[in-house]
């Protein structure tokens, strides 16, 4: 969002405390601004709708609508995917942002994970991962490390867990598996990998339970599965942290272990035999 980011940076110290609150919100979550009304933004940030209007006019826009249009152009226009532009925005706004907003972003993600944990959907996901004959996890773009870490840790407590990386071009480990029941976990955030919905649809057509961890702007996941775990976007950062999804996956693992119960303990005991034989730890 080059133009709007530069406008906020130029306004700098002329912004009031309430306007700085708006600026932090926009820089942290531009996609939200693109789809939320001024009234929704005002309510969420506990400011008046007039404050929102004055803020955009101070930045040089005729109205909130004009600013939102510019955000959409910057996010989805022909230059939106240019890494250089994203880095320039990150570098420019970093000097003007209130770094306490980093804490707010992190806490928002953690709170979402804890709220998810109380839902029926979360409990269904836990049971699926505990009882499926085969579990597969894939992360697109920079989310691959989360999927790989999830699979690595689940393998300590149950069999037949595979991290898919798509390096074979066809996700062959999933489609060649003869597991009677399968669960596929997909992790992705804006802007989403094209293979995400393709893989999800193909997996579901073959009877697999599809689980998606994503941010709030993922439109395709809900059309394929009801097991969608949504977190706030962290699009301001050049590389998303992403605190919410990361924390959510960590507590998911703990809940799956609890659901496995004695099965997890028996599996750990078997793994311990090989750990004793091929120990990588210094005495």
C-alpha atoms as a PDB file:
ATOM      1  CA  UNK A   1       0.000   0.000   0.000  1.00  0.00           C
ATOM      2  CA  UNK A   2       2.706   2.428  -1.108  1.00  0.00           C
ATOM      3  CA  UNK A   3       0.661   5.598  -1.569  1.00  0.00           C
ATOM      4  CA  UNK A   4      -1.269   5.420   1.686  1.00  0.00           C
ATOM      5  CA  UNK A   5       1.795   4.312   3.656  1.00  0.00           C
ATOM      6  CA  UNK A   6       3.725   7.293   2.337  1.00  0.00           C
ATOM      7  CA  UNK A   7       0.847   9.635   3.198  1.00  0.00           C
ATOM      8  CA  UNK A   8       0.830   8.360   6.782  1.00  0.00           C
ATOM      9  CA  UNK A   9       4.607   8.693   7.020  1.00  0.00           C
ATOM     10  CA  UNK A  10       4.419  12.272   5.681  1.00  0.00           C
ATOM     11  CA  UNK A  11       1.729  13.205   8.206  1.00  0.00           C
ATOM     12  CA  UNK A  12       4.027  11.993  10.955  1.00  0.00           C
ATOM     13  CA  UNK A  13       3.754  13.924  14.204  1.00  0.00           C
ATOM     14  CA  UNK A  14       0.798  15.999  12.987  1.00  0.00           C
ATOM     15  CA  UNK A  15      -1.455  13.028  13.734  1.00  0.00           C
ATOM     16  CA  UNK A  16      -3.422  13.155  16.963  1.00  0.00           C
ATOM     17  CA  UNK A  17      -3.423  10.197  19.350  1.00  0.00           C
ATOM     18  CA  UNK A  18      -6.712   8.942  17.918  1.00  0.00           C
ATOM     19  CA  UNK A  19      -5.444   9.405  14.362  1.00  0.00           C
ATOM     20  CA  UNK A  20      -2.248   7.548  15.260  1.00  0.00           C
ATOM     21  CA  UNK A  21      -4.447   4.701  16.467  1.00  0.00           C
ATOM     22  CA  UNK A  22      -6.101   4.659  13.040  1.00  0.00           C
ATOM     23  CA  UNK A  23      -2.715   4.827  11.305  1.00  0.00           C
ATOM     24  CA  UNK A  24      -1.396   1.840  13.263  1.00  0.00           C
ATOM     25  CA  UNK A  25      -4.505  -0.173  12.442  1.00  0.00           C
ATOM     26  CA  UNK A  26      -4.279   0.594   8.723  1.00  0.00           C
ATOM     27  CA  UNK A  27      -0.569  -0.160   8.506  1.00  0.00           C
ATOM     28  CA  UNK A  28      -0.986  -3.399  10.421  1.00  0.00           C
ATOM     29  CA  UNK A  29      -4.099  -4.700   8.668  1.00  0.00           C
ATOM     30  CA  UNK A  30      -4.655  -2.983   5.296  1.00  0.00           C
ATOM     31  CA  UNK A  31      -6.902  -5.755   3.968  1.00  0.00           C
ATOM     32  CA  UNK A  32      -9.332  -5.133   6.825  1.00  0.00           C
ATOM     33  CA  UNK A  33      -9.580  -1.467   5.864  1.00  0.00           C
ATOM     34  CA  UNK A  34     -10.301  -2.474   2.275  1.00  0.00           C
ATOM     35  CA  UNK A  35     -13.426  -4.399   3.261  1.00  0.00           C
ATOM     36  CA  UNK A  36     -14.642  -2.662   6.449  1.00  0.00           C
ATOM     37  CA  UNK A  37     -16.814   0.443   6.482  1.00  0.00           C
ATOM     38  CA  UNK A  38     -15.738   3.637   8.248  1.00  0.00           C
ATOM     39  CA  UNK A  39     -18.399   2.951  10.893  1.00  0.00           C
ATOM     40  CA  UNK A  40     -17.005  -0.553  11.513  1.00  0.00           C
ATOM     41  CA  UNK A  41     -13.464   0.788  11.811  1.00  0.00           C
ATOM     42  CA  UNK A  42     -14.618   3.528  14.181  1.00  0.00           C
ATOM     43  CA  UNK A  43     -16.453   1.055  16.407  1.00  0.00           C
ATOM     44  CA  UNK A  44     -13.542  -1.384  16.472  1.00  0.00           C
ATOM     45  CA  UNK A  45     -11.037   1.325  17.458  1.00  0.00           C
ATOM     46  CA  UNK A  46     -13.403   3.191  19.805  1.00  0.00           C
ATOM     47  CA  UNK A  47     -13.289   6.447  17.837  1.00  0.00           C
ATOM     48  CA  UNK A  48     -16.042   8.415  16.152  1.00  0.00           C
ATOM     49  CA  UNK A  49     -16.867   7.998  12.433  1.00  0.00           C
ATOM     50  CA  UNK A  50     -16.036  11.702  12.069  1.00  0.00           C
ATOM     51  CA  UNK A  51     -12.514  11.013  13.352  1.00  0.00           C
ATOM     52  CA  UNK A  52     -12.090   8.413  10.602  1.00  0.00           C
ATOM     53  CA  UNK A  53     -13.268  10.885   7.950  1.00  0.00           C
ATOM     54  CA  UNK A  54     -11.008  13.674   9.244  1.00  0.00           C
ATOM     55  CA  UNK A  55      -8.068  11.270   9.334  1.00  0.00           C
ATOM     56  CA  UNK A  56      -8.336  10.372   5.654  1.00  0.00           C
ATOM     57  CA  UNK A  57      -8.843  14.018   4.679  1.00  0.00           C
ATOM     58  CA  UNK A  58      -5.700  14.966   6.604  1.00  0.00           C
ATOM     59  CA  UNK A  59      -3.856  12.408   4.480  1.00  0.00           C
ATOM     60  CA  UNK A  60      -5.054  14.170   1.312  1.00  0.00           C
ATOM     61  CA  UNK A  61      -8.082  12.097   0.324  1.00  0.00           C
ATOM     62  CA  UNK A  62     -11.446  13.607  -0.517  1.00  0.00           C
ATOM     63  CA  UNK A  63     -13.253  10.938   1.478  1.00  0.00           C
ATOM     64  CA  UNK A  64     -12.924   7.601   3.219  1.00  0.00           C
ATOM     65  CA  UNK A  65     -14.222   5.937   0.057  1.00  0.00           C
ATOM     66  CA  UNK A  66     -11.386   7.366  -2.013  1.00  0.00           C
ATOM     67  CA  UNK A  67      -8.833   6.116   0.511  1.00  0.00           C
ATOM     68  CA  UNK A  68     -10.384   2.632   0.531  1.00  0.00           C
ATOM     69  CA  UNK A  69     -10.281   2.559  -3.265  1.00  0.00           C
ATOM     70  CA  UNK A  70      -6.574   3.392  -3.164  1.00  0.00           C
ATOM     71  CA  UNK A  71      -5.943   0.637  -0.621  1.00  0.00           C
ATOM     72  CA  UNK A  72      -7.601  -1.880  -2.952  1.00  0.00           C
ATOM     73  CA  UNK A  73      -5.467  -0.697  -5.876  1.00  0.00           C
ATOM     74  CA  UNK A  74      -2.288  -0.971  -3.807  1.00  0.00           C
ATOM     75  CA  UNK A  75      -3.229  -4.400  -2.466  1.00  0.00           C
ATOM     76  CA  UNK A  76      -4.613  -6.028  -5.584  1.00  0.00           C
ATOM     77  CA  UNK A  77      -3.359  -3.903  -8.470  1.00  0.00           C
ATOM     78  CA  UNK A  78      -0.620  -4.874 -10.949  1.00  0.00           C
ATOM     79  CA  UNK A  79       2.192  -3.823  -8.632  1.00  0.00           C
ATOM     80  CA  UNK A  80       0.798  -5.412  -5.481  1.00  0.00           C
ATOM     81  CA  UNK A  81       3.018  -8.465  -5.562  1.00  0.00           C
ATOM     82  CA  UNK A  82       6.297  -6.621  -6.021  1.00  0.00           C
ATOM     83  CA  UNK A  83       8.516  -7.488  -3.111  1.00  0.00           C
ATOM     84  CA  UNK A  84      10.444  -4.229  -3.486  1.00  0.00           C
ATOM     85  CA  UNK A  85       7.319  -2.159  -2.874  1.00  0.00           C
ATOM     86  CA  UNK A  86       6.404  -4.173   0.185  1.00  0.00           C
ATOM     87  CA  UNK A  87       9.870  -3.748   1.636  1.00  0.00           C
ATOM     88  CA  UNK A  88       9.850  -0.005   0.966  1.00  0.00           C
ATOM     89  CA  UNK A  89       6.508   0.320   2.770  1.00  0.00           C
ATOM     90  CA  UNK A  90       7.778  -1.704   5.709  1.00  0.00           C
ATOM     91  CA  UNK A  91      10.956   0.366   5.981  1.00  0.00           C
ATOM     92  CA  UNK A  92       9.135   3.685   5.635  1.00  0.00           C
ATOM     93  CA  UNK A  93       6.374   3.057   8.136  1.00  0.00           C
ATOM     94  CA  UNK A  94       8.672   1.373  10.656  1.00  0.00           C
ATOM     95  CA  UNK A  95      10.129   4.767  11.540  1.00  0.00           C
ATOM     96  CA  UNK A  96       6.719   6.302  12.277  1.00  0.00           C
ATOM     97  CA  UNK A  97       4.792   3.421  13.870  1.00  0.00           C
ATOM     98  CA  UNK A  98       4.087   3.003  17.549  1.00  0.00           C
ATOM     99  CA  UNK A  99       5.831  -0.298  18.294  1.00  0.00           C
ATOM    100  CA  UNK A 100       3.264  -1.081  20.976  1.00  0.00           C
ATOM    101  CA  UNK A 101       1.053  -2.100  18.071  1.00  0.00           C
ATOM    102  CA  UNK A 102       3.307  -5.151  17.654  1.00  0.00           C
ATOM    103  CA  UNK A 103       2.157  -6.278  21.072  1.00  0.00           C
ATOM    104  CA  UNK A 104      -1.468  -5.621  20.143  1.00  0.00           C
ATOM    105  CA  UNK A 105      -1.124  -7.711  16.985  1.00  0.00           C
ATOM    106  CA  UNK A 106       0.479 -10.566  18.912  1.00  0.00           C
ATOM    107  CA  UNK A 107      -2.130 -10.524  21.674  1.00  0.00           C
ATOM    108  CA  UNK A 108      -4.969 -10.421  19.142  1.00  0.00           C
ATOM    109  CA  UNK A 109      -3.631 -13.585  17.498  1.00  0.00           C
ATOM    110  CA  UNK A 110      -3.191 -15.396  20.811  1.00  0.00           C
ATOM    111  CA  UNK A 111      -6.666 -14.398  21.986  1.00  0.00           C
ATOM    112  CA  UNK A 112      -8.193 -15.717  18.753  1.00  0.00           C
ATOM    113  CA  UNK A 113      -6.443 -19.050  19.276  1.00  0.00           C
ATOM    114  CA  UNK A 114      -7.783 -19.328  22.817  1.00  0.00           C
ATOM    115  CA  UNK A 115     -11.311 -18.499  21.652  1.00  0.00           C
ATOM    116  CA  UNK A 116     -11.078 -21.106  18.893  1.00  0.00           C
ATOM    117  CA  UNK A 117     -10.105 -23.658  21.521  1.00  0.00           C
ATOM    118  CA  UNK A 118     -13.490 -23.282  23.190  1.00  0.00           C
ATOM    119  CA  UNK A 119     -15.494 -24.051  20.045  1.00  0.00           C
ATOM    120  CA  UNK A 120     -17.078 -27.248  18.793  1.00  0.00           C
ATOM    121  CA  UNK A 121     -15.167 -26.837  15.525  1.00  0.00           C
ATOM    122  CA  UNK A 122     -11.826 -26.940  17.352  1.00  0.00           C
ATOM    123  CA  UNK A 123     -12.823 -30.067  19.255  1.00  0.00           C
ATOM    124  CA  UNK A 124     -13.824 -31.732  15.980  1.00  0.00           C
ATOM    125  CA  UNK A 125     -10.421 -30.866  14.478  1.00  0.00           C
ATOM    126  CA  UNK A 126      -8.667 -32.365  17.506  1.00  0.00           C
ATOM    127  CA  UNK A 127     -10.626 -35.614  17.207  1.00  0.00           C
ATOM    128  CA  UNK A 128      -9.944 -35.756  13.474  1.00  0.00           C
ATOM    129  CA  UNK A 129      -6.191 -35.446  13.972  1.00  0.00           C
ATOM    130  CA  UNK A 130      -6.221 -37.992  16.795  1.00  0.00           C
ATOM    131  CA  UNK A 131      -8.218 -40.632  14.934  1.00  0.00           C
ATOM    132  CA  UNK A 132      -7.439 -40.331  11.210  1.00  0.00           C
ATOM    133  CA  UNK A 133      -5.277 -43.165   9.864  1.00  0.00           C
ATOM    134  CA  UNK A 134      -3.070 -40.663   8.039  1.00  0.00           C
ATOM    135  CA  UNK A 135      -2.406 -36.982   8.749  1.00  0.00           C
ATOM    136  CA  UNK A 136      -0.857 -34.677   6.152  1.00  0.00           C
ATOM    137  CA  UNK A 137       0.193 -31.049   6.623  1.00  0.00           C
ATOM    138  CA  UNK A 138       1.158 -28.490   3.998  1.00  0.00           C
ATOM    139  CA  UNK A 139       2.031 -24.812   4.270  1.00  0.00           C
ATOM    140  CA  UNK A 140       2.123 -22.540   1.258  1.00  0.00           C
ATOM    141  CA  UNK A 141       4.627 -19.750   0.692  1.00  0.00           C
ATOM    142  CA  UNK A 142       6.305 -18.790   3.984  1.00  0.00           C
ATOM    143  CA  UNK A 143       3.957 -21.006   5.993  1.00  0.00           C
ATOM    144  CA  UNK A 144       5.811 -24.196   5.040  1.00  0.00           C
ATOM    145  CA  UNK A 145       7.899 -24.096   8.220  1.00  0.00           C
ATOM    146  CA  UNK A 146       4.764 -24.186  10.373  1.00  0.00           C
ATOM    147  CA  UNK A 147       3.397 -27.241   8.558  1.00  0.00           C
ATOM    148  CA  UNK A 148       6.759 -29.007   8.778  1.00  0.00           C
ATOM    149  CA  UNK A 149       7.036 -28.251  12.500  1.00  0.00           C
ATOM    150  CA  UNK A 150       3.494 -29.418  13.156  1.00  0.00           C
ATOM    151  CA  UNK A 151       4.109 -32.726  11.379  1.00  0.00           C
ATOM    152  CA  UNK A 152       7.442 -33.259  13.109  1.00  0.00           C
ATOM    153  CA  UNK A 153       5.935 -32.877  16.571  1.00  0.00           C
ATOM    154  CA  UNK A 154       2.823 -34.914  15.852  1.00  0.00           C
ATOM    155  CA  UNK A 155       5.068 -37.786  14.771  1.00  0.00           C
ATOM    156  CA  UNK A 156       6.276 -38.040  18.370  1.00  0.00           C
ATOM    157  CA  UNK A 157       2.790 -39.048  19.509  1.00  0.00           C
ATOM    158  CA  UNK A 158       1.217 -40.887  16.563  1.00  0.00           C
ATOM    159  CA  UNK A 159       2.066 -42.757  13.359  1.00  0.00           C
ATOM    160  CA  UNK A 160       1.521 -41.776   9.733  1.00  0.00           C
ATOM    161  CA  UNK A 161       2.065 -38.018   9.852  1.00  0.00           C
ATOM    162  CA  UNK A 162       3.560 -36.479   6.711  1.00  0.00           C
ATOM    163  CA  UNK A 163       4.665 -32.936   5.876  1.00  0.00           C
ATOM    164  CA  UNK A 164       3.920 -32.226   2.213  1.00  0.00           C
ATOM    165  CA  UNK A 165       6.222 -29.798   0.431  1.00  0.00           C
ATOM    166  CA  UNK A 166       4.949 -30.179  -3.122  1.00  0.00           C
ATOM    167  CA  UNK A 167       8.483 -30.655  -4.431  1.00  0.00           C
ATOM    168  CA  UNK A 168       7.284 -33.536  -6.608  1.00  0.00           C
ATOM    169  CA  UNK A 169       4.736 -31.162  -8.140  1.00  0.00           C
ATOM    170  CA  UNK A 170       1.778 -33.452  -7.460  1.00  0.00           C
ATOM    171  CA  UNK A 171       1.720 -33.997  -3.672  1.00  0.00           C
ATOM    172  CA  UNK A 172       2.241 -37.667  -4.383  1.00  0.00           C
ATOM    173  CA  UNK A 173       2.654 -38.732  -0.745  1.00  0.00           C
ATOM    174  CA  UNK A 174      -0.946 -37.768  -0.052  1.00  0.00           C
ATOM    175  CA  UNK A 175      -2.524 -39.263  -3.153  1.00  0.00           C
ATOM    176  CA  UNK A 176      -0.494 -42.479  -3.049  1.00  0.00           C
ATOM    177  CA  UNK A 177      -1.261 -43.138   0.614  1.00  0.00           C
ATOM    178  CA  UNK A 178      -3.499 -46.149   1.248  1.00  0.00           C
ATOM    179  CA  UNK A 179      -4.645 -44.867   4.658  1.00  0.00           C
ATOM    180  CA  UNK A 180      -8.315 -45.695   5.165  1.00  0.00           C
ATOM    181  CA  UNK A 181      -9.047 -42.235   6.544  1.00  0.00           C
ATOM    182  CA  UNK A 182      -7.018 -39.081   5.939  1.00  0.00           C
ATOM    183  CA  UNK A 183      -6.812 -35.579   7.380  1.00  0.00           C
ATOM    184  CA  UNK A 184      -5.190 -32.768   5.417  1.00  0.00           C
ATOM    185  CA  UNK A 185      -4.094 -29.577   7.187  1.00  0.00           C
ATOM    186  CA  UNK A 186      -3.464 -26.544   4.960  1.00  0.00           C
ATOM    187  CA  UNK A 187      -1.780 -23.414   6.349  1.00  0.00           C
ATOM    188  CA  UNK A 188      -1.718 -20.221   4.281  1.00  0.00           C
ATOM    189  CA  UNK A 189      -2.138 -16.455   4.511  1.00  0.00           C
ATOM    190  CA  UNK A 190      -2.651 -13.566   2.084  1.00  0.00           C
ATOM    191  CA  UNK A 191      -1.718 -13.723  -0.814  1.00  0.00           C
ATOM    192  CA  UNK A 192      -2.724 -17.353  -1.048  1.00  0.00           C
ATOM    193  CA  UNK A 193      -0.963 -20.040  -3.018  1.00  0.00           C
ATOM    194  CA  UNK A 194      -2.909 -21.212  -6.080  1.00  0.00           C
ATOM    195  CA  UNK A 195      -2.419 -24.871  -5.162  1.00  0.00           C
ATOM    196  CA  UNK A 196      -4.181 -24.485  -1.821  1.00  0.00           C
ATOM    197  CA  UNK A 197      -7.780 -24.655  -3.058  1.00  0.00           C
ATOM    198  CA  UNK A 198      -6.828 -27.170  -5.768  1.00  0.00           C
ATOM    199  CA  UNK A 199      -5.328 -29.556  -3.242  1.00  0.00           C
ATOM    200  CA  UNK A 200      -8.172 -29.017  -0.776  1.00  0.00           C
ATOM    201  CA  UNK A 201     -10.841 -29.820  -3.370  1.00  0.00           C
ATOM    202  CA  UNK A 202      -9.011 -32.871  -4.649  1.00  0.00           C
ATOM    203  CA  UNK A 203      -8.473 -34.169  -1.112  1.00  0.00           C
ATOM    204  CA  UNK A 204     -12.091 -33.677  -0.147  1.00  0.00           C
ATOM    205  CA  UNK A 205     -13.290 -35.410  -3.301  1.00  0.00           C
ATOM    206  CA  UNK A 206     -11.277 -38.416  -2.156  1.00  0.00           C
ATOM    207  CA  UNK A 207     -12.917 -38.460   1.255  1.00  0.00           C
ATOM    208  CA  UNK A 208     -10.264 -36.664   3.290  1.00  0.00           C
ATOM    209  CA  UNK A 209     -11.105 -34.272   6.118  1.00  0.00           C
ATOM    210  CA  UNK A 210      -9.693 -30.875   5.140  1.00  0.00           C
ATOM    211  CA  UNK A 211      -8.615 -28.414   7.848  1.00  0.00           C
ATOM    212  CA  UNK A 212      -7.457 -24.903   6.965  1.00  0.00           C
ATOM    213  CA  UNK A 213      -5.523 -22.489   9.178  1.00  0.00           C
ATOM    214  CA  UNK A 214      -5.636 -19.056   7.525  1.00  0.00           C
ATOM    215  CA  UNK A 215      -6.154 -15.328   7.998  1.00  0.00           C
ATOM    216  CA  UNK A 216      -9.489 -13.539   7.841  1.00  0.00           C
ATOM    217  CA  UNK A 217      -9.376 -12.721   4.126  1.00  0.00           C
ATOM    218  CA  UNK A 218      -9.232 -16.292   2.855  1.00  0.00           C
ATOM    219  CA  UNK A 219     -12.441 -16.598   0.828  1.00  0.00           C
ATOM    220  CA  UNK A 220     -11.871 -20.004  -0.753  1.00  0.00           C
ATOM    221  CA  UNK A 221     -11.500 -22.175   2.371  1.00  0.00           C
ATOM    222  CA  UNK A 222     -15.077 -21.846   3.624  1.00  0.00           C
ATOM    223  CA  UNK A 223     -16.409 -22.966   0.250  1.00  0.00           C
ATOM    224  CA  UNK A 224     -14.630 -26.312   0.608  1.00  0.00           C
ATOM    225  CA  UNK A 225     -14.643 -27.225   4.296  1.00  0.00           C
ATOM    226  CA  UNK A 226     -16.319 -26.215   7.526  1.00  0.00           C
ATOM    227  CA  UNK A 227     -13.098 -26.844   9.452  1.00  0.00           C
ATOM    228  CA  UNK A 228     -11.563 -23.402   8.914  1.00  0.00           C
ATOM    229  CA  UNK A 229      -9.586 -21.818  11.769  1.00  0.00           C
ATOM    230  CA  UNK A 230      -9.310 -18.091  11.098  1.00  0.00           C
ATOM    231  CA  UNK A 231      -6.847 -15.607  12.602  1.00  0.00           C
ATOM    232  CA  UNK A 232      -6.355 -11.840  12.247  1.00  0.00           C
ATOM    233  CA  UNK A 233      -4.216 -10.712   9.338  1.00  0.00           C
ATOM    234  CA  UNK A 234      -0.695  -9.469  10.086  1.00  0.00           C
ATOM    235  CA  UNK A 235      -0.148  -7.991   6.655  1.00  0.00           C
ATOM    236  CA  UNK A 236       1.840  -4.969   7.812  1.00  0.00           C
ATOM    237  CA  UNK A 237       4.924  -7.058   8.442  1.00  0.00           C
ATOM    238  CA  UNK A 238       7.223  -7.744   5.520  1.00  0.00           C
ATOM    239  CA  UNK A 239       7.153 -11.376   6.624  1.00  0.00           C
ATOM    240  CA  UNK A 240       4.182 -12.277   8.804  1.00  0.00           C
ATOM    241  CA  UNK A 241       5.112 -13.487  12.279  1.00  0.00           C
ATOM    242  CA  UNK A 242       2.361 -15.127  12.425  1.00  0.00           C
ATOM    243  CA  UNK A 243       1.743 -15.258  16.161  1.00  0.00           C
ATOM    244  CA  UNK A 244      -1.888 -16.397  16.099  1.00  0.00           C
ATOM    245  CA  UNK A 245      -1.477 -19.392  13.813  1.00  0.00           C
ATOM    246  CA  UNK A 246       1.788 -20.414  15.461  1.00  0.00           C
ATOM    247  CA  UNK A 247       0.288 -20.338  18.944  1.00  0.00           C
ATOM    248  CA  UNK A 248      -2.866 -22.052  17.697  1.00  0.00           C
ATOM    249  CA  UNK A 249      -0.870 -24.947  16.260  1.00  0.00           C
ATOM    250  CA  UNK A 250       1.052 -25.306  19.500  1.00  0.00           C
ATOM    251  CA  UNK A 251      -2.058 -25.673  21.630  1.00  0.00           C
ATOM    252  CA  UNK A 252      -3.594 -27.904  18.972  1.00  0.00           C
ATOM    253  CA  UNK A 253      -0.745 -30.361  19.451  1.00  0.00           C
ATOM    254  CA  UNK A 254      -1.320 -30.397  23.213  1.00  0.00           C
ATOM    255  CA  UNK A 255      -5.029 -31.077  22.717  1.00  0.00           C
ATOM    256  CA  UNK A 256      -4.340 -33.891  20.245  1.00  0.00           C
ATOM    257  CA  UNK A 257      -1.974 -35.497  22.746  1.00  0.00           C
ATOM    258  CA  UNK A 258      -4.705 -35.340  25.398  1.00  0.00           C
ATOM    259  CA  UNK A 259      -7.219 -36.853  22.946  1.00  0.00           C
ATOM    260  CA  UNK A 260      -4.825 -39.704  22.095  1.00  0.00           C
ATOM    261  CA  UNK A 261      -4.328 -40.510  25.769  1.00  0.00           C
ATOM    262  CA  UNK A 262      -2.754 -43.939  26.283  1.00  0.00           C
ATOM    263  CA  UNK A 263      -2.198 -44.267  22.543  1.00  0.00           C
ATOM    264  CA  UNK A 264       0.192 -41.314  22.679  1.00  0.00           C
ATOM    265  CA  UNK A 265       2.042 -42.770  25.655  1.00  0.00           C
ATOM    266  CA  UNK A 266       2.424 -46.142  23.949  1.00  0.00           C
ATOM    267  CA  UNK A 267       3.750 -44.462  20.812  1.00  0.00           C
ATOM    268  CA  UNK A 268       6.221 -42.367  22.804  1.00  0.00           C
ATOM    269  CA  UNK A 269       7.454 -45.496  24.556  1.00  0.00           C
ATOM    270  CA  UNK A 270       8.146 -47.110  21.184  1.00  0.00           C
ATOM    271  CA  UNK A 271       9.920 -44.001  19.915  1.00  0.00           C
ATOM    272  CA  UNK A 272      12.017 -43.894  23.083  1.00  0.00           C
ATOM    273  CA  UNK A 273      13.576 -47.232  22.179  1.00  0.00           C
ATOM    274  CA  UNK A 274      15.093 -45.806  19.016  1.00  0.00           C
ATOM    275  CA  UNK A 275      16.056 -42.605  20.844  1.00  0.00           C
ATOM    276  CA  UNK A 276      18.045 -44.688  23.314  1.00  0.00           C
ATOM    277  CA  UNK A 277      19.725 -46.569  20.481  1.00  0.00           C
ATOM    278  CA  UNK A 278      20.523 -43.528  18.317  1.00  0.00           C
ATOM    279  CA  UNK A 279      20.784 -40.837  20.937  1.00  0.00           C
ATOM    280  CA  UNK A 280      21.772 -37.397  19.627  1.00  0.00           C
ATOM    281  CA  UNK A 281      22.207 -35.938  23.073  1.00  0.00           C
ATOM    282  CA  UNK A 282      25.495 -35.405  24.874  1.00  0.00           C
ATOM    283  CA  UNK A 283      25.699 -37.293  28.155  1.00  0.00           C
END
